[in-house]
Amino acid sequence: MMKQTLIAATLAGLSTAALAAPVTYNVDPTHTYSRFEVNHLGFSVQSGTFTKTSGKVELDTAAKKGTVDITIDTDSLQTFLPDRDKHLKSKDFFNVAQFPTITFKSKDLEFSGDKLTAVKGDLTLLGVTKPVTLKVTQFAGKPHPMTGKETYGANAETVIKRSDFGMKTFLPAIADDVTLKVAIEAAKAE
């Protein structure tokens, strides 16, 4: 009888683990931002930051699957030079008036063991959607030391050609290759 109870408990535990559902995490806007870097006239690499990002991440660590749905507010662009920010927000570059957001959506997460290593998805910029792969350079999940909530964080990056999205102003003086870097933290939704 005891042997049957142990077998039943073990099978129940295995079936629960196999059926574990994805967990939803809300992006923490105070610890999530996106940054770009681009070569300027061959002299230096200049950067800008988008300070407002929202979204959700679904993660099933047992199945090594998940989804990412991120929205970046293009009007939150900052380079810490107001005239340059105004120009970058114009039709010449990000055209904030017509395209107020940049989005990234993924259903293809790659793991090596327990570590997330890449996120493949679709980046939409200036109304153009292209596939990109974000290489994950940092990944961690644990209870947040201040809130106690289950939290995941990551840093990721990729290189795109801005001309692929229709951003061609000052090519090739301002480089076509743009490095995108993302820092994200997301807490378990309640």
C-alpha atoms as a PDB file:
ATOM      1  CA  MET A   1       0.000   0.000   0.000  1.00  0.00           C
ATOM      2  CA  MET A   2       2.788   2.410   0.946  1.00  0.00           C
ATOM      3  CA  LYS A   3       4.658   1.567  -2.272  1.00  0.00           C
ATOM      4  CA  GLN A   4       1.527   2.358  -4.337  1.00  0.00           C
ATOM      5  CA  THR A   5       1.093   5.690  -2.494  1.00  0.00           C
ATOM      6  CA  LEU A   6       4.732   6.647  -3.194  1.00  0.00           C
ATOM      7  CA  ILE A   7       4.387   5.717  -6.868  1.00  0.00           C
ATOM      8  CA  ALA A   8       1.131   7.698  -7.167  1.00  0.00           C
ATOM      9  CA  ALA A   9       2.718  10.733  -5.473  1.00  0.00           C
ATOM     10  CA  THR A  10       5.767  10.537  -7.736  1.00  0.00           C
ATOM     11  CA  LEU A  11       3.630  10.288 -10.877  1.00  0.00           C
ATOM     12  CA  ALA A  12       1.463  13.184  -9.702  1.00  0.00           C
ATOM     13  CA  GLY A  13       4.583  15.273  -9.140  1.00  0.00           C
ATOM     14  CA  LEU A  14       5.965  14.397 -12.561  1.00  0.00           C
ATOM     15  CA  SER A  15       2.712  15.195 -14.316  1.00  0.00           C
ATOM     16  CA  THR A  16       2.453  18.538 -12.511  1.00  0.00           C
ATOM     17  CA  ALA A  17       6.012  19.420 -13.523  1.00  0.00           C
ATOM     18  CA  ALA A  18       5.348  18.381 -17.115  1.00  0.00           C
ATOM     19  CA  LEU A  19       2.228  20.522 -17.230  1.00  0.00           C
ATOM     20  CA  ALA A  20       3.808  23.595 -15.605  1.00  0.00           C
ATOM     21  CA  ALA A  21       2.263  26.677 -17.140  1.00  0.00           C
ATOM     22  CA  PRO A  22       4.193  29.689 -18.344  1.00  0.00           C
ATOM     23  CA  VAL A  23       4.473  32.513 -15.820  1.00  0.00           C
ATOM     24  CA  THR A  24       3.794  36.116 -16.861  1.00  0.00           C
ATOM     25  CA  TYR A  25       6.214  38.857 -15.835  1.00  0.00           C
ATOM     26  CA  ASN A  26       5.534  42.585 -16.198  1.00  0.00           C
ATOM     27  CA  VAL A  27       8.385  44.780 -17.405  1.00  0.00           C
ATOM     28  CA  ASP A  28       9.740  47.041 -14.676  1.00  0.00           C
ATOM     29  CA  PRO A  29       9.872  50.436 -16.434  1.00  0.00           C
ATOM     30  CA  THR A  30      12.328  51.847 -13.896  1.00  0.00           C
ATOM     31  CA  HIS A  31      14.944  49.196 -14.703  1.00  0.00           C
ATOM     32  CA  THR A  32      14.276  48.616 -18.396  1.00  0.00           C
ATOM     33  CA  TYR A  33      15.620  50.714 -21.226  1.00  0.00           C
ATOM     34  CA  SER A  34      16.915  50.408 -24.764  1.00  0.00           C
ATOM     35  CA  ARG A  35      19.999  52.025 -26.198  1.00  0.00           C
ATOM     36  CA  PHE A  36      21.495  52.387 -29.653  1.00  0.00           C
ATOM     37  CA  GLU A  37      25.064  53.015 -30.790  1.00  0.00           C
ATOM     38  CA  VAL A  38      26.115  54.224 -34.234  1.00  0.00           C
ATOM     39  CA  ASN A  39      29.401  55.352 -35.785  1.00  0.00           C
ATOM     40  CA  HIS A  40      29.385  59.086 -36.500  1.00  0.00           C
ATOM     41  CA  LEU A  41      31.488  60.189 -39.495  1.00  0.00           C
ATOM     42  CA  GLY A  42      34.162  57.634 -38.609  1.00  0.00           C
ATOM     43  CA  PHE A  43      35.198  59.735 -35.599  1.00  0.00           C
ATOM     44  CA  SER A  44      33.332  58.159 -32.693  1.00  0.00           C
ATOM     45  CA  VAL A  45      30.462  55.929 -31.675  1.00  0.00           C
ATOM     46  CA  GLN A  46      27.505  58.000 -30.517  1.00  0.00           C
ATOM     47  CA  SER A  47      24.597  56.661 -28.476  1.00  0.00           C
ATOM     48  CA  GLY A  48      21.039  57.379 -27.495  1.00  0.00           C
ATOM     49  CA  THR A  49      18.652  55.905 -24.959  1.00  0.00           C
ATOM     50  CA  PHE A  50      14.909  55.288 -24.931  1.00  0.00           C
ATOM     51  CA  THR A  51      13.809  55.738 -21.324  1.00  0.00           C
ATOM     52  CA  LYS A  52      10.205  54.472 -21.536  1.00  0.00           C
ATOM     53  CA  THR A  53       9.589  50.792 -22.181  1.00  0.00           C
ATOM     54  CA  SER A  54       6.603  48.610 -21.351  1.00  0.00           C
ATOM     55  CA  GLY A  55       5.629  45.026 -21.975  1.00  0.00           C
ATOM     56  CA  LYS A  56       5.290  41.475 -20.779  1.00  0.00           C
ATOM     57  CA  VAL A  57       7.424  38.359 -20.776  1.00  0.00           C
ATOM     58  CA  GLU A  58       6.027  34.844 -20.451  1.00  0.00           C
ATOM     59  CA  LEU A  59       8.488  32.271 -19.292  1.00  0.00           C
ATOM     60  CA  ASP A  60       8.277  28.524 -18.793  1.00  0.00           C
ATOM     61  CA  THR A  61      11.741  27.626 -17.531  1.00  0.00           C
ATOM     62  CA  ALA A  62      10.931  23.900 -17.296  1.00  0.00           C
ATOM     63  CA  ALA A  63       9.929  23.712 -20.970  1.00  0.00           C
ATOM     64  CA  LYS A  64      12.563  26.288 -22.017  1.00  0.00           C
ATOM     65  CA  LYS A  65       9.918  28.337 -23.815  1.00  0.00           C
ATOM     66  CA  GLY A  66       8.425  31.772 -23.601  1.00  0.00           C
ATOM     67  CA  THR A  67       7.263  34.928 -25.308  1.00  0.00           C
ATOM     68  CA  VAL A  68       8.398  38.527 -25.245  1.00  0.00           C
ATOM     69  CA  ASP A  69       6.214  41.529 -26.120  1.00  0.00           C
ATOM     70  CA  ILE A  70       7.976  44.876 -25.691  1.00  0.00           C
ATOM     71  CA  THR A  71       6.942  48.422 -26.664  1.00  0.00           C
ATOM     72  CA  ILE A  72       9.385  51.333 -26.680  1.00  0.00           C
ATOM     73  CA  ASP A  73       8.113  54.922 -26.613  1.00  0.00           C
ATOM     74  CA  THR A  74      10.144  56.678 -29.342  1.00  0.00           C
ATOM     75  CA  ASP A  75       9.426  60.121 -27.871  1.00  0.00           C
ATOM     76  CA  SER A  76      11.432  59.062 -24.780  1.00  0.00           C
ATOM     77  CA  LEU A  77      14.650  59.248 -26.855  1.00  0.00           C
ATOM     78  CA  GLN A  78      17.485  61.045 -25.077  1.00  0.00           C
ATOM     79  CA  THR A  79      21.015  61.836 -26.223  1.00  0.00           C
ATOM     80  CA  PHE A  80      21.426  64.651 -23.684  1.00  0.00           C
ATOM     81  CA  LEU A  81      21.646  67.289 -26.394  1.00  0.00           C
ATOM     82  CA  PRO A  82      18.191  68.847 -27.011  1.00  0.00           C
ATOM     83  CA  ASP A  83      18.836  69.948 -30.624  1.00  0.00           C
ATOM     84  CA  ARG A  84      20.121  66.497 -31.584  1.00  0.00           C
ATOM     85  CA  ASP A  85      17.153  64.843 -29.812  1.00  0.00           C
ATOM     86  CA  LYS A  86      14.782  67.066 -31.810  1.00  0.00           C
ATOM     87  CA  HIS A  87      16.501  66.113 -35.077  1.00  0.00           C
ATOM     88  CA  LEU A  88      16.536  62.383 -34.258  1.00  0.00           C
ATOM     89  CA  LYS A  89      12.797  62.554 -33.456  1.00  0.00           C
ATOM     90  CA  SER A  90      12.075  64.206 -36.831  1.00  0.00           C
ATOM     91  CA  LYS A  91      11.134  62.567 -40.154  1.00  0.00           C
ATOM     92  CA  ASP A  92      14.863  62.263 -40.951  1.00  0.00           C
ATOM     93  CA  PHE A  93      15.278  59.502 -38.362  1.00  0.00           C
ATOM     94  CA  PHE A  94      12.692  58.084 -35.904  1.00  0.00           C
ATOM     95  CA  ASN A  95       9.683  60.126 -37.157  1.00  0.00           C
ATOM     96  CA  VAL A  96       8.119  60.110 -33.697  1.00  0.00           C
ATOM     97  CA  ALA A  97       4.965  61.928 -34.848  1.00  0.00           C
ATOM     98  CA  GLN A  98       4.040  59.127 -37.271  1.00  0.00           C
ATOM     99  CA  PHE A  99       5.671  56.189 -35.451  1.00  0.00           C
ATOM    100  CA  PRO A 100       5.333  56.699 -31.677  1.00  0.00           C
ATOM    101  CA  THR A 101       6.542  53.196 -30.825  1.00  0.00           C
ATOM    102  CA  ILE A 102       9.121  50.561 -31.651  1.00  0.00           C
ATOM    103  CA  THR A 103       8.039  47.005 -30.877  1.00  0.00           C
ATOM    104  CA  PHE A 104       9.745  43.671 -30.421  1.00  0.00           C
ATOM    105  CA  LYS A 105       7.741  40.441 -30.330  1.00  0.00           C
ATOM    106  CA  SER A 106       9.161  36.952 -29.889  1.00  0.00           C
ATOM    107  CA  LYS A 107       7.958  33.380 -29.436  1.00  0.00           C
ATOM    108  CA  ASP A 108      11.415  31.854 -29.915  1.00  0.00           C
ATOM    109  CA  LEU A 109      13.673  31.778 -26.865  1.00  0.00           C
ATOM    110  CA  GLU A 110      16.899  29.768 -26.929  1.00  0.00           C
ATOM    111  CA  PHE A 111      18.408  28.257 -23.798  1.00  0.00           C
ATOM    112  CA  SER A 112      21.687  26.567 -22.956  1.00  0.00           C
ATOM    113  CA  GLY A 113      20.870  24.590 -19.836  1.00  0.00           C
ATOM    114  CA  ASP A 114      19.060  27.019 -17.539  1.00  0.00           C
ATOM    115  CA  LYS A 115      20.482  30.146 -19.164  1.00  0.00           C
ATOM    116  CA  LEU A 116      18.654  32.142 -21.807  1.00  0.00           C
ATOM    117  CA  THR A 117      21.141  32.750 -24.624  1.00  0.00           C
ATOM    118  CA  ALA A 118      19.114  34.287 -27.473  1.00  0.00           C
ATOM    119  CA  VAL A 119      15.720  35.721 -28.280  1.00  0.00           C
ATOM    120  CA  LYS A 120      14.576  35.576 -31.915  1.00  0.00           C
ATOM    121  CA  GLY A 121      11.709  37.816 -32.895  1.00  0.00           C
ATOM    122  CA  ASP A 122      10.315  40.615 -35.020  1.00  0.00           C
ATOM    123  CA  LEU A 123      11.449  44.211 -34.602  1.00  0.00           C
ATOM    124  CA  THR A 124       9.102  46.886 -35.932  1.00  0.00           C
ATOM    125  CA  LEU A 125      10.700  50.285 -36.530  1.00  0.00           C
ATOM    126  CA  LEU A 126       9.249  53.036 -38.725  1.00  0.00           C
ATOM    127  CA  GLY A 127       6.401  50.700 -39.653  1.00  0.00           C
ATOM    128  CA  VAL A 128       8.778  48.087 -41.086  1.00  0.00           C
ATOM    129  CA  THR A 129       9.024  44.652 -39.464  1.00  0.00           C
ATOM    130  CA  LYS A 130      12.191  42.556 -39.767  1.00  0.00           C
ATOM    131  CA  PRO A 131      13.437  39.444 -37.959  1.00  0.00           C
ATOM    132  CA  VAL A 132      16.262  40.003 -35.476  1.00  0.00           C
ATOM    133  CA  THR A 133      18.111  37.850 -32.965  1.00  0.00           C
ATOM    134  CA  LEU A 134      19.034  39.366 -29.631  1.00  0.00           C
ATOM    135  CA  LYS A 135      22.113  37.736 -28.098  1.00  0.00           C
ATOM    136  CA  VAL A 136      21.623  37.513 -24.332  1.00  0.00           C
ATOM    137  CA  THR A 137      24.780  38.522 -22.472  1.00  0.00           C
ATOM    138  CA  GLN A 138      23.364  38.429 -18.914  1.00  0.00           C
ATOM    139  CA  PHE A 139      20.417  36.447 -17.516  1.00  0.00           C
ATOM    140  CA  ALA A 140      19.258  35.875 -13.947  1.00  0.00           C
ATOM    141  CA  GLY A 141      16.098  34.932 -12.117  1.00  0.00           C
ATOM    142  CA  LYS A 142      15.461  34.999  -8.359  1.00  0.00           C
ATOM    143  CA  PRO A 143      13.311  36.650  -5.715  1.00  0.00           C
ATOM    144  CA  HIS A 144      13.803  40.419  -5.755  1.00  0.00           C
ATOM    145  CA  PRO A 145      15.700  41.365  -2.558  1.00  0.00           C
ATOM    146  CA  MET A 146      13.433  44.380  -1.871  1.00  0.00           C
ATOM    147  CA  THR A 147       9.987  43.211  -2.984  1.00  0.00           C
ATOM    148  CA  GLY A 148      10.307  39.442  -2.616  1.00  0.00           C
ATOM    149  CA  LYS A 149       8.646  39.013  -6.039  1.00  0.00           C
ATOM    150  CA  GLU A 150      10.002  36.453  -8.484  1.00  0.00           C
ATOM    151  CA  THR A 151      12.008  38.573 -10.935  1.00  0.00           C
ATOM    152  CA  TYR A 152      14.020  37.948 -14.088  1.00  0.00           C
ATOM    153  CA  GLY A 153      16.532  40.250 -15.682  1.00  0.00           C
ATOM    154  CA  ALA A 154      18.609  40.216 -18.825  1.00  0.00           C
ATOM    155  CA  ASN A 155      20.882  42.222 -21.055  1.00  0.00           C
ATOM    156  CA  ALA A 156      20.792  41.576 -24.769  1.00  0.00           C
ATOM    157  CA  GLU A 157      22.100  43.081 -27.978  1.00  0.00           C
ATOM    158  CA  THR A 158      21.992  42.866 -31.746  1.00  0.00           C
ATOM    159  CA  VAL A 159      23.157  44.778 -34.809  1.00  0.00           C
ATOM    160  CA  ILE A 160      20.707  45.982 -37.452  1.00  0.00           C
ATOM    161  CA  LYS A 161      21.029  47.946 -40.664  1.00  0.00           C
ATOM    162  CA  ARG A 162      18.957  51.093 -40.256  1.00  0.00           C
ATOM    163  CA  SER A 163      18.443  51.290 -44.025  1.00  0.00           C
ATOM    164  CA  ASP A 164      16.502  47.981 -43.823  1.00  0.00           C
ATOM    165  CA  PHE A 165      13.873  49.930 -41.876  1.00  0.00           C
ATOM    166  CA  GLY A 166      13.894  52.935 -44.217  1.00  0.00           C
ATOM    167  CA  MET A 167      16.141  55.173 -42.094  1.00  0.00           C
ATOM    168  CA  LYS A 168      18.597  56.403 -44.720  1.00  0.00           C
ATOM    169  CA  THR A 169      19.412  60.000 -43.758  1.00  0.00           C
ATOM    170  CA  PHE A 170      23.138  60.788 -43.967  1.00  0.00           C
ATOM    171  CA  LEU A 171      24.187  57.316 -45.145  1.00  0.00           C
ATOM    172  CA  PRO A 172      27.048  56.386 -45.229  1.00  0.00           C
ATOM    173  CA  ALA A 173      28.483  59.282 -43.157  1.00  0.00           C
ATOM    174  CA  ILE A 174      26.405  58.074 -40.242  1.00  0.00           C
ATOM    175  CA  ALA A 175      26.860  54.308 -40.338  1.00  0.00           C
ATOM    176  CA  ASP A 176      24.196  51.902 -41.529  1.00  0.00           C
ATOM    177  CA  ASP A 177      25.060  49.359 -38.824  1.00  0.00           C
ATOM    178  CA  VAL A 178      23.421  50.212 -35.509  1.00  0.00           C
ATOM    179  CA  THR A 179      24.001  48.263 -32.320  1.00  0.00           C
ATOM    180  CA  LEU A 180      20.884  47.901 -30.185  1.00  0.00           C
ATOM    181  CA  LYS A 181      21.305  47.102 -26.492  1.00  0.00           C
ATOM    182  CA  VAL A 182      18.515  46.263 -24.071  1.00  0.00           C
ATOM    183  CA  ALA A 183      18.512  46.034 -20.284  1.00  0.00           C
ATOM    184  CA  ILE A 184      15.316  44.483 -18.931  1.00  0.00           C
ATOM    185  CA  GLU A 185      13.917  43.484 -15.555  1.00  0.00           C
ATOM    186  CA  ALA A 186      10.463  41.977 -15.159  1.00  0.00           C
ATOM    187  CA  ALA A 187       8.558  40.951 -12.031  1.00  0.00           C
ATOM    188  CA  LYS A 188       5.981  38.176 -11.723  1.00  0.00           C
ATOM    189  CA  ALA A 189       2.492  39.484 -12.461  1.00  0.00           C
ATOM    190  CA  GLU A 190      -0.024  39.237  -9.649  1.00  0.00           C
END
